[in-house]
N, C-alpha and C. Protein backbone atom coordinates (compact mmCIF):
# COMPACT_ATOMS: atom_id res chain seq x y z
N MET A 1 -10.39 23.30 -22.08
CA MET A 1 -11.77 22.88 -22.19
C MET A 1 -12.16 22.16 -20.90
N SER A 2 -13.25 22.53 -20.29
CA SER A 2 -13.73 21.89 -19.08
C SER A 2 -15.00 21.12 -19.43
N VAL A 3 -14.94 19.81 -19.29
CA VAL A 3 -16.06 18.95 -19.65
C VAL A 3 -16.75 18.48 -18.38
N THR A 4 -18.07 18.55 -18.36
CA THR A 4 -18.83 18.04 -17.22
C THR A 4 -19.18 16.58 -17.47
N LEU A 5 -19.50 15.90 -16.40
CA LEU A 5 -19.87 14.49 -16.52
C LEU A 5 -21.12 14.31 -17.36
N SER A 6 -22.06 15.22 -17.25
CA SER A 6 -23.29 15.11 -18.04
C SER A 6 -23.02 15.34 -19.53
N ALA A 7 -21.99 16.11 -19.87
CA ALA A 7 -21.66 16.36 -21.28
C ALA A 7 -20.77 15.27 -21.85
N LEU A 8 -20.24 14.41 -21.01
CA LEU A 8 -19.30 13.37 -21.44
C LEU A 8 -19.87 12.47 -22.52
N LYS A 9 -21.12 12.09 -22.38
CA LYS A 9 -21.73 11.15 -23.34
C LYS A 9 -21.86 11.74 -24.74
N ASP A 10 -21.80 13.06 -24.85
CA ASP A 10 -21.93 13.71 -26.14
C ASP A 10 -20.59 13.93 -26.85
N LEU A 11 -19.49 13.58 -26.16
CA LEU A 11 -18.17 13.77 -26.76
C LEU A 11 -17.80 12.61 -27.68
N ALA A 12 -17.20 12.94 -28.79
CA ALA A 12 -16.64 11.91 -29.67
C ALA A 12 -15.33 11.42 -29.04
N MET A 13 -14.90 10.24 -29.39
CA MET A 13 -13.69 9.68 -28.81
C MET A 13 -12.48 10.57 -29.07
N TYR A 14 -12.38 11.15 -30.26
CA TYR A 14 -11.22 12.01 -30.55
C TYR A 14 -11.22 13.24 -29.64
N GLU A 15 -12.42 13.74 -29.27
CA GLU A 15 -12.49 14.87 -28.36
C GLU A 15 -12.11 14.47 -26.94
N LEU A 16 -12.55 13.29 -26.56
CA LEU A 16 -12.27 12.79 -25.22
C LEU A 16 -10.79 12.52 -25.03
N LYS A 17 -10.18 11.89 -26.01
CA LYS A 17 -8.75 11.58 -25.85
C LYS A 17 -7.87 12.82 -25.98
N ALA A 18 -8.42 13.91 -26.48
CA ALA A 18 -7.66 15.16 -26.58
C ALA A 18 -7.64 15.93 -25.25
N LEU A 19 -8.43 15.49 -24.29
CA LEU A 19 -8.45 16.17 -23.00
C LEU A 19 -7.12 15.98 -22.27
N SER A 20 -6.81 16.90 -21.41
CA SER A 20 -5.56 16.80 -20.64
C SER A 20 -5.68 15.68 -19.61
N PRO A 21 -4.55 15.16 -19.15
CA PRO A 21 -4.60 14.12 -18.11
C PRO A 21 -5.35 14.59 -16.86
N GLN A 22 -5.21 15.87 -16.52
CA GLN A 22 -5.90 16.39 -15.35
C GLN A 22 -7.42 16.37 -15.55
N GLU A 23 -7.87 16.74 -16.76
CA GLU A 23 -9.30 16.72 -17.05
C GLU A 23 -9.83 15.28 -17.04
N LEU A 24 -9.07 14.37 -17.64
CA LEU A 24 -9.47 12.96 -17.65
C LEU A 24 -9.52 12.41 -16.22
N MET A 25 -8.53 12.78 -15.41
CA MET A 25 -8.50 12.32 -14.04
C MET A 25 -9.71 12.85 -13.26
N ALA A 26 -10.06 14.08 -13.47
CA ALA A 26 -11.22 14.67 -12.79
C ALA A 26 -12.51 13.97 -13.22
N LEU A 27 -12.63 13.69 -14.53
CA LEU A 27 -13.82 13.00 -15.03
C LEU A 27 -13.89 11.57 -14.49
N MET A 28 -12.74 10.88 -14.43
CA MET A 28 -12.72 9.52 -13.88
C MET A 28 -13.14 9.54 -12.43
N SER A 29 -12.61 10.48 -11.67
CA SER A 29 -12.94 10.58 -10.25
C SER A 29 -14.43 10.85 -10.06
N GLU A 30 -14.95 11.78 -10.85
CA GLU A 30 -16.36 12.12 -10.76
C GLU A 30 -17.24 10.94 -11.19
N SER A 31 -16.82 10.22 -12.23
CA SER A 31 -17.57 9.06 -12.72
C SER A 31 -17.59 7.94 -11.68
N GLU A 32 -16.42 7.68 -11.08
CA GLU A 32 -16.35 6.63 -10.07
C GLU A 32 -17.21 6.97 -8.87
N LYS A 33 -17.24 8.25 -8.48
CA LYS A 33 -18.09 8.66 -7.36
C LYS A 33 -19.56 8.51 -7.73
N ALA A 34 -19.92 8.89 -8.95
CA ALA A 34 -21.31 8.76 -9.40
C ALA A 34 -21.72 7.28 -9.44
N LEU A 35 -20.82 6.42 -9.89
CA LEU A 35 -21.10 4.98 -9.91
C LEU A 35 -21.30 4.46 -8.50
N HIS A 36 -20.42 4.83 -7.60
CA HIS A 36 -20.53 4.41 -6.20
C HIS A 36 -21.86 4.88 -5.62
N ASP A 37 -22.21 6.14 -5.87
CA ASP A 37 -23.47 6.69 -5.37
C ASP A 37 -24.66 5.95 -5.96
N ALA A 38 -24.62 5.65 -7.25
CA ALA A 38 -25.72 4.93 -7.90
C ALA A 38 -25.86 3.52 -7.34
N GLN A 39 -24.73 2.83 -7.13
CA GLN A 39 -24.79 1.49 -6.55
C GLN A 39 -25.38 1.53 -5.14
N TYR A 40 -24.99 2.53 -4.37
CA TYR A 40 -25.55 2.70 -3.02
C TYR A 40 -27.06 2.94 -3.10
N GLN A 41 -27.49 3.78 -4.03
CA GLN A 41 -28.90 4.09 -4.17
C GLN A 41 -29.70 2.85 -4.55
N VAL A 42 -29.15 2.03 -5.46
CA VAL A 42 -29.84 0.79 -5.85
C VAL A 42 -29.98 -0.14 -4.65
N LYS A 43 -28.91 -0.29 -3.87
CA LYS A 43 -28.97 -1.14 -2.67
C LYS A 43 -29.99 -0.59 -1.67
N TRP A 44 -30.02 0.72 -1.50
CA TRP A 44 -30.95 1.35 -0.57
C TRP A 44 -32.40 1.12 -1.03
N LEU A 45 -32.64 1.29 -2.33
CA LEU A 45 -33.99 1.06 -2.86
C LEU A 45 -34.37 -0.42 -2.77
N GLN A 46 -33.42 -1.32 -3.02
CA GLN A 46 -33.70 -2.76 -2.87
C GLN A 46 -34.08 -3.07 -1.43
N SER A 47 -33.42 -2.43 -0.47
CA SER A 47 -33.76 -2.62 0.95
C SER A 47 -35.19 -2.16 1.23
N ALA A 48 -35.55 -1.02 0.66
CA ALA A 48 -36.92 -0.50 0.85
C ALA A 48 -37.94 -1.45 0.23
N LEU A 49 -37.65 -1.97 -0.97
CA LEU A 49 -38.56 -2.93 -1.62
C LEU A 49 -38.68 -4.20 -0.78
N ALA A 50 -37.56 -4.66 -0.23
CA ALA A 50 -37.59 -5.86 0.61
C ALA A 50 -38.47 -5.62 1.83
N GLN A 51 -38.31 -4.47 2.48
CA GLN A 51 -39.13 -4.19 3.66
C GLN A 51 -40.61 -4.06 3.30
N LYS A 52 -40.88 -3.48 2.15
CA LYS A 52 -42.27 -3.27 1.73
C LYS A 52 -42.96 -4.58 1.34
N TYR A 53 -42.21 -5.47 0.64
CA TYR A 53 -42.86 -6.64 0.05
C TYR A 53 -42.44 -7.99 0.62
N MET A 54 -41.49 -8.00 1.55
CA MET A 54 -40.95 -9.26 2.05
C MET A 54 -42.04 -10.17 2.63
N HIS A 55 -42.89 -9.64 3.50
CA HIS A 55 -43.90 -10.48 4.15
C HIS A 55 -44.92 -11.02 3.14
N ARG A 56 -45.31 -10.17 2.23
CA ARG A 56 -46.29 -10.60 1.22
C ARG A 56 -45.68 -11.69 0.33
N ALA A 57 -44.43 -11.49 -0.08
CA ALA A 57 -43.76 -12.48 -0.93
C ALA A 57 -43.54 -13.78 -0.17
N ASP A 58 -43.11 -13.68 1.10
CA ASP A 58 -42.90 -14.90 1.91
C ASP A 58 -44.19 -15.68 2.08
N ASN A 59 -45.29 -14.97 2.33
CA ASN A 59 -46.59 -15.65 2.47
C ASN A 59 -46.98 -16.35 1.17
N LEU A 60 -46.77 -15.67 0.06
CA LEU A 60 -47.10 -16.26 -1.24
C LEU A 60 -46.23 -17.49 -1.50
N ARG A 61 -44.96 -17.40 -1.16
CA ARG A 61 -44.06 -18.56 -1.33
C ARG A 61 -44.53 -19.74 -0.48
N LYS A 62 -44.97 -19.48 0.74
CA LYS A 62 -45.46 -20.55 1.61
C LYS A 62 -46.71 -21.20 1.01
N LEU A 63 -47.61 -20.37 0.49
CA LEU A 63 -48.83 -20.89 -0.12
C LEU A 63 -48.53 -21.76 -1.34
N GLU A 64 -47.51 -21.36 -2.10
CA GLU A 64 -47.16 -22.07 -3.33
C GLU A 64 -46.06 -23.12 -3.13
N TRP A 65 -45.61 -23.29 -1.90
CA TRP A 65 -44.54 -24.26 -1.58
C TRP A 65 -43.33 -24.01 -2.47
N GLN A 66 -42.94 -22.77 -2.59
CA GLN A 66 -41.84 -22.39 -3.49
C GLN A 66 -40.80 -21.60 -2.71
N LYS A 67 -39.65 -22.23 -2.45
CA LYS A 67 -38.60 -21.57 -1.69
C LYS A 67 -37.70 -20.69 -2.56
N THR A 68 -37.51 -21.10 -3.80
CA THR A 68 -36.63 -20.35 -4.70
C THR A 68 -37.34 -20.10 -6.03
N GLY A 69 -36.68 -19.33 -6.87
CA GLY A 69 -37.25 -18.99 -8.17
C GLY A 69 -37.96 -17.65 -8.10
N SER A 70 -38.78 -17.42 -9.09
CA SER A 70 -39.43 -16.13 -9.25
C SER A 70 -40.92 -16.25 -8.92
N ILE A 71 -41.41 -15.29 -8.15
CA ILE A 71 -42.85 -15.18 -7.92
C ILE A 71 -43.25 -13.75 -8.24
N THR A 72 -44.49 -13.58 -8.64
CA THR A 72 -44.98 -12.25 -8.96
C THR A 72 -46.35 -12.04 -8.31
N PHE A 73 -46.62 -10.81 -8.01
CA PHE A 73 -47.93 -10.41 -7.51
C PHE A 73 -48.14 -8.95 -7.89
N GLU A 74 -49.39 -8.52 -7.79
CA GLU A 74 -49.75 -7.17 -8.21
C GLU A 74 -49.94 -6.28 -7.00
N ASP A 75 -49.49 -5.05 -7.10
CA ASP A 75 -49.71 -4.05 -6.06
C ASP A 75 -50.07 -2.73 -6.72
N ASP A 76 -51.32 -2.37 -6.61
CA ASP A 76 -51.82 -1.08 -7.11
C ASP A 76 -51.43 -0.84 -8.58
N GLY A 77 -51.67 -1.84 -9.41
CA GLY A 77 -51.41 -1.70 -10.84
C GLY A 77 -49.97 -1.91 -11.26
N VAL A 78 -49.12 -2.36 -10.33
CA VAL A 78 -47.71 -2.63 -10.64
C VAL A 78 -47.43 -4.09 -10.34
N LEU A 79 -46.80 -4.76 -11.29
CA LEU A 79 -46.42 -6.15 -11.09
C LEU A 79 -45.12 -6.18 -10.31
N VAL A 80 -45.12 -6.85 -9.18
CA VAL A 80 -43.95 -6.96 -8.32
C VAL A 80 -43.39 -8.36 -8.49
N GLU A 81 -42.10 -8.45 -8.77
CA GLU A 81 -41.45 -9.75 -8.91
C GLU A 81 -40.37 -9.87 -7.84
N GLN A 82 -40.38 -11.00 -7.18
CA GLN A 82 -39.30 -11.32 -6.24
C GLN A 82 -38.62 -12.57 -6.76
N ASP A 83 -37.32 -12.49 -6.93
CA ASP A 83 -36.56 -13.63 -7.44
C ASP A 83 -35.57 -14.06 -6.37
N VAL A 84 -35.61 -15.32 -6.03
CA VAL A 84 -34.65 -15.91 -5.11
C VAL A 84 -33.88 -16.95 -5.92
N PRO A 85 -32.71 -16.58 -6.41
CA PRO A 85 -31.97 -17.51 -7.26
C PRO A 85 -31.42 -18.69 -6.47
N VAL A 86 -31.25 -19.80 -7.15
CA VAL A 86 -30.62 -20.98 -6.58
C VAL A 86 -29.15 -20.91 -6.94
N ILE A 87 -28.31 -20.97 -5.94
CA ILE A 87 -26.87 -20.96 -6.17
C ILE A 87 -26.33 -22.27 -5.61
N PRO A 88 -26.18 -23.26 -6.48
CA PRO A 88 -25.73 -24.56 -5.96
C PRO A 88 -24.25 -24.55 -5.60
N SER A 89 -23.94 -25.31 -4.61
CA SER A 89 -22.54 -25.58 -4.29
C SER A 89 -22.45 -27.08 -4.02
N TRP A 90 -21.28 -27.62 -4.24
CA TRP A 90 -21.12 -29.07 -4.14
C TRP A 90 -20.00 -29.40 -3.18
N ASP A 91 -20.26 -30.39 -2.34
CA ASP A 91 -19.25 -30.89 -1.42
C ASP A 91 -18.19 -31.61 -2.25
N GLN A 92 -17.03 -31.00 -2.38
CA GLN A 92 -15.98 -31.52 -3.27
C GLN A 92 -15.48 -32.90 -2.83
N ASP A 93 -15.34 -33.12 -1.53
CA ASP A 93 -14.89 -34.43 -1.05
C ASP A 93 -15.90 -35.51 -1.39
N HIS A 94 -17.18 -35.20 -1.20
CA HIS A 94 -18.23 -36.17 -1.52
C HIS A 94 -18.27 -36.47 -3.03
N LEU A 95 -18.14 -35.43 -3.84
CA LEU A 95 -18.13 -35.65 -5.30
C LEU A 95 -16.92 -36.47 -5.73
N ALA A 96 -15.78 -36.22 -5.11
CA ALA A 96 -14.58 -37.00 -5.44
C ALA A 96 -14.80 -38.46 -5.09
N PHE A 97 -15.45 -38.73 -3.95
CA PHE A 97 -15.75 -40.11 -3.56
C PHE A 97 -16.69 -40.76 -4.58
N ILE A 98 -17.72 -40.02 -5.00
CA ILE A 98 -18.68 -40.55 -5.99
C ILE A 98 -17.97 -40.82 -7.31
N ALA A 99 -17.12 -39.92 -7.75
CA ALA A 99 -16.38 -40.11 -9.01
C ALA A 99 -15.49 -41.34 -8.92
N GLU A 100 -14.82 -41.50 -7.80
CA GLU A 100 -13.94 -42.66 -7.61
C GLU A 100 -14.75 -43.96 -7.61
N THR A 101 -15.88 -43.95 -6.93
CA THR A 101 -16.76 -45.13 -6.90
C THR A 101 -17.27 -45.44 -8.29
N MET A 102 -17.68 -44.42 -9.00
CA MET A 102 -18.20 -44.60 -10.36
C MET A 102 -17.12 -45.21 -11.25
N GLN A 103 -15.89 -44.74 -11.12
CA GLN A 103 -14.78 -45.22 -11.95
C GLN A 103 -14.46 -46.68 -11.61
N ARG A 104 -14.49 -47.04 -10.32
CA ARG A 104 -14.23 -48.43 -9.91
C ARG A 104 -15.28 -49.39 -10.45
N CYS A 105 -16.50 -48.87 -10.64
CA CYS A 105 -17.59 -49.71 -11.15
C CYS A 105 -17.61 -49.72 -12.69
N GLY A 106 -16.60 -49.13 -13.30
CA GLY A 106 -16.51 -49.14 -14.76
C GLY A 106 -17.14 -47.95 -15.44
N GLY A 107 -17.64 -47.01 -14.69
CA GLY A 107 -18.26 -45.82 -15.27
C GLY A 107 -17.23 -44.74 -15.55
N ASN A 108 -17.64 -43.75 -16.30
CA ASN A 108 -16.78 -42.62 -16.63
C ASN A 108 -17.37 -41.37 -15.98
N PRO A 109 -16.78 -40.92 -14.86
CA PRO A 109 -17.34 -39.75 -14.17
C PRO A 109 -17.39 -38.50 -15.05
N ALA A 110 -16.50 -38.40 -16.03
CA ALA A 110 -16.47 -37.22 -16.90
C ALA A 110 -17.74 -37.11 -17.73
N GLU A 111 -18.49 -38.20 -17.90
CA GLU A 111 -19.75 -38.14 -18.63
C GLU A 111 -20.82 -37.41 -17.82
N TYR A 112 -20.66 -37.39 -16.51
CA TYR A 112 -21.69 -36.83 -15.64
C TYR A 112 -21.24 -35.60 -14.86
N MET A 113 -19.94 -35.45 -14.72
CA MET A 113 -19.42 -34.39 -13.86
C MET A 113 -18.45 -33.52 -14.63
N GLN A 114 -18.38 -32.28 -14.21
CA GLN A 114 -17.33 -31.38 -14.71
C GLN A 114 -16.20 -31.46 -13.71
N ILE A 115 -15.12 -32.04 -14.14
CA ILE A 115 -13.99 -32.22 -13.23
C ILE A 115 -12.90 -31.25 -13.63
N THR A 116 -12.56 -30.35 -12.72
CA THR A 116 -11.53 -29.36 -13.01
C THR A 116 -10.50 -29.36 -11.89
N TYR A 117 -9.29 -29.03 -12.26
CA TYR A 117 -8.22 -28.88 -11.30
C TYR A 117 -7.71 -27.45 -11.43
N SER A 118 -7.43 -26.86 -10.31
CA SER A 118 -6.86 -25.51 -10.35
C SER A 118 -5.93 -25.33 -9.16
N ILE A 119 -5.09 -24.35 -9.28
CA ILE A 119 -4.14 -24.03 -8.23
C ILE A 119 -4.26 -22.54 -7.95
N ASP A 120 -4.41 -22.20 -6.70
CA ASP A 120 -4.47 -20.81 -6.29
C ASP A 120 -3.15 -20.13 -6.66
N GLU A 121 -3.23 -19.01 -7.33
CA GLU A 121 -2.03 -18.33 -7.84
C GLU A 121 -1.08 -17.92 -6.72
N SER A 122 -1.62 -17.48 -5.59
CA SER A 122 -0.74 -17.08 -4.49
C SER A 122 0.01 -18.28 -3.91
N LYS A 123 -0.63 -19.44 -3.92
CA LYS A 123 0.06 -20.66 -3.45
C LYS A 123 1.11 -21.10 -4.46
N PHE A 124 0.77 -21.00 -5.75
CA PHE A 124 1.73 -21.35 -6.81
C PHE A 124 2.99 -20.51 -6.67
N ASP A 125 2.81 -19.22 -6.40
CA ASP A 125 3.96 -18.31 -6.25
C ASP A 125 4.85 -18.68 -5.07
N GLN A 126 4.30 -19.38 -4.08
CA GLN A 126 5.07 -19.76 -2.90
C GLN A 126 5.84 -21.06 -3.07
N TRP A 127 5.54 -21.83 -4.12
CA TRP A 127 6.23 -23.10 -4.33
C TRP A 127 7.69 -22.86 -4.71
N PRO A 128 8.54 -23.84 -4.46
CA PRO A 128 9.93 -23.74 -4.92
C PRO A 128 9.96 -23.62 -6.44
N GLU A 129 10.92 -22.91 -6.94
CA GLU A 129 11.01 -22.66 -8.39
C GLU A 129 11.09 -23.96 -9.18
N ALA A 130 11.81 -24.96 -8.66
CA ALA A 130 11.93 -26.25 -9.38
C ALA A 130 10.56 -26.90 -9.54
N PHE A 131 9.73 -26.81 -8.53
CA PHE A 131 8.39 -27.40 -8.60
C PHE A 131 7.51 -26.61 -9.56
N GLN A 132 7.66 -25.29 -9.55
CA GLN A 132 6.90 -24.45 -10.49
C GLN A 132 7.24 -24.81 -11.93
N ARG A 133 8.53 -25.04 -12.21
CA ARG A 133 8.95 -25.40 -13.57
C ARG A 133 8.34 -26.73 -14.01
N GLN A 134 8.20 -27.67 -13.07
CA GLN A 134 7.66 -28.99 -13.42
C GLN A 134 6.22 -28.92 -13.93
N ILE A 135 5.46 -28.00 -13.39
CA ILE A 135 4.05 -27.93 -13.81
C ILE A 135 3.74 -26.71 -14.67
N ALA A 136 4.77 -26.01 -15.10
CA ALA A 136 4.57 -24.79 -15.88
C ALA A 136 3.78 -25.04 -17.16
N GLU A 137 3.94 -26.22 -17.77
CA GLU A 137 3.20 -26.51 -19.01
C GLU A 137 1.71 -26.56 -18.77
N ALA A 138 1.29 -26.89 -17.57
CA ALA A 138 -0.14 -26.99 -17.28
C ALA A 138 -0.75 -25.63 -16.93
N ARG A 139 0.07 -24.63 -16.74
CA ARG A 139 -0.41 -23.30 -16.35
C ARG A 139 -0.67 -22.45 -17.59
N CYS A 140 -1.91 -22.04 -17.73
CA CYS A 140 -2.31 -21.17 -18.84
C CYS A 140 -2.74 -19.84 -18.25
N THR A 141 -2.42 -18.78 -18.93
CA THR A 141 -2.84 -17.47 -18.45
C THR A 141 -3.56 -16.72 -19.56
N GLU A 142 -4.47 -15.88 -19.15
CA GLU A 142 -5.17 -14.99 -20.07
C GLU A 142 -5.06 -13.58 -19.52
N LYS A 143 -5.17 -12.63 -20.39
CA LYS A 143 -5.15 -11.23 -19.95
C LYS A 143 -6.51 -10.84 -19.44
N GLY A 144 -6.52 -10.13 -18.33
CA GLY A 144 -7.76 -9.56 -17.81
C GLY A 144 -8.05 -8.24 -18.50
N ALA A 145 -9.12 -7.60 -18.07
CA ALA A 145 -9.49 -6.31 -18.64
C ALA A 145 -8.45 -5.26 -18.23
N VAL A 146 -8.05 -4.46 -19.18
CA VAL A 146 -7.08 -3.40 -18.92
C VAL A 146 -7.78 -2.26 -18.19
N VAL A 147 -7.15 -1.80 -17.12
CA VAL A 147 -7.69 -0.70 -16.33
C VAL A 147 -6.62 0.38 -16.22
N TYR A 148 -7.01 1.60 -16.45
CA TYR A 148 -6.10 2.73 -16.28
C TYR A 148 -6.53 3.50 -15.04
N ARG A 149 -5.57 3.97 -14.29
CA ARG A 149 -5.85 4.84 -13.15
C ARG A 149 -5.02 6.09 -13.32
N LEU A 150 -5.58 7.20 -12.99
CA LEU A 150 -4.87 8.47 -13.05
C LEU A 150 -4.71 8.98 -11.63
N ILE A 151 -3.48 9.22 -11.23
CA ILE A 151 -3.18 9.63 -9.86
C ILE A 151 -2.43 10.94 -9.90
N SER A 152 -2.92 11.89 -9.16
CA SER A 152 -2.28 13.20 -9.12
C SER A 152 -0.96 13.11 -8.39
N LEU A 153 0.10 13.57 -9.03
CA LEU A 153 1.42 13.59 -8.39
C LEU A 153 1.46 14.63 -7.29
N GLU A 154 0.63 15.65 -7.40
CA GLU A 154 0.59 16.71 -6.40
C GLU A 154 -0.06 16.24 -5.09
N GLU A 155 -0.85 15.18 -5.16
CA GLU A 155 -1.56 14.71 -3.97
C GLU A 155 -0.91 13.46 -3.39
N GLY A 156 0.40 13.32 -3.54
CA GLY A 156 1.13 12.23 -2.90
C GLY A 156 1.19 10.95 -3.70
N GLY A 157 0.81 10.96 -4.96
CA GLY A 157 0.84 9.75 -5.77
C GLY A 157 2.14 9.66 -6.54
N GLY A 158 3.26 9.48 -5.88
CA GLY A 158 4.55 9.43 -6.56
C GLY A 158 4.76 8.14 -7.30
N GLN A 159 5.85 8.05 -8.05
CA GLN A 159 6.18 6.86 -8.84
C GLN A 159 6.85 5.82 -7.98
């Protein structure tokens, strides 16, 4: 049975899992290429929208004294929205100083701040085993999303 990508959505799961590994691999490859192409097209269209509306949106933002957030305007019967999200970042050293000062003054920084500690996994792996064992109780792991890849053995994908 040869299934096309366009017919894939009409297959029941039992039909899909009955396909050969080669057919599944071909569908995965075709799907990944279609996804890549669609993502590229969205970025390309976003670039065109930016070039078309950037100056008008920037002028409107200046008039409204609005650097971030969402603004809208109309163009030939179509509502155009430009959103500039705010992505905050915090100076960790400065926040640590503030938390320490707050604590010295009798305050509880945890009431106002989210205080987290983490260790980069690649650095953890480089520590001596004895040190890793000392902090092993503090290390929690969760499973990520399971991903399957199909690799043709004929095309150099050996075990």
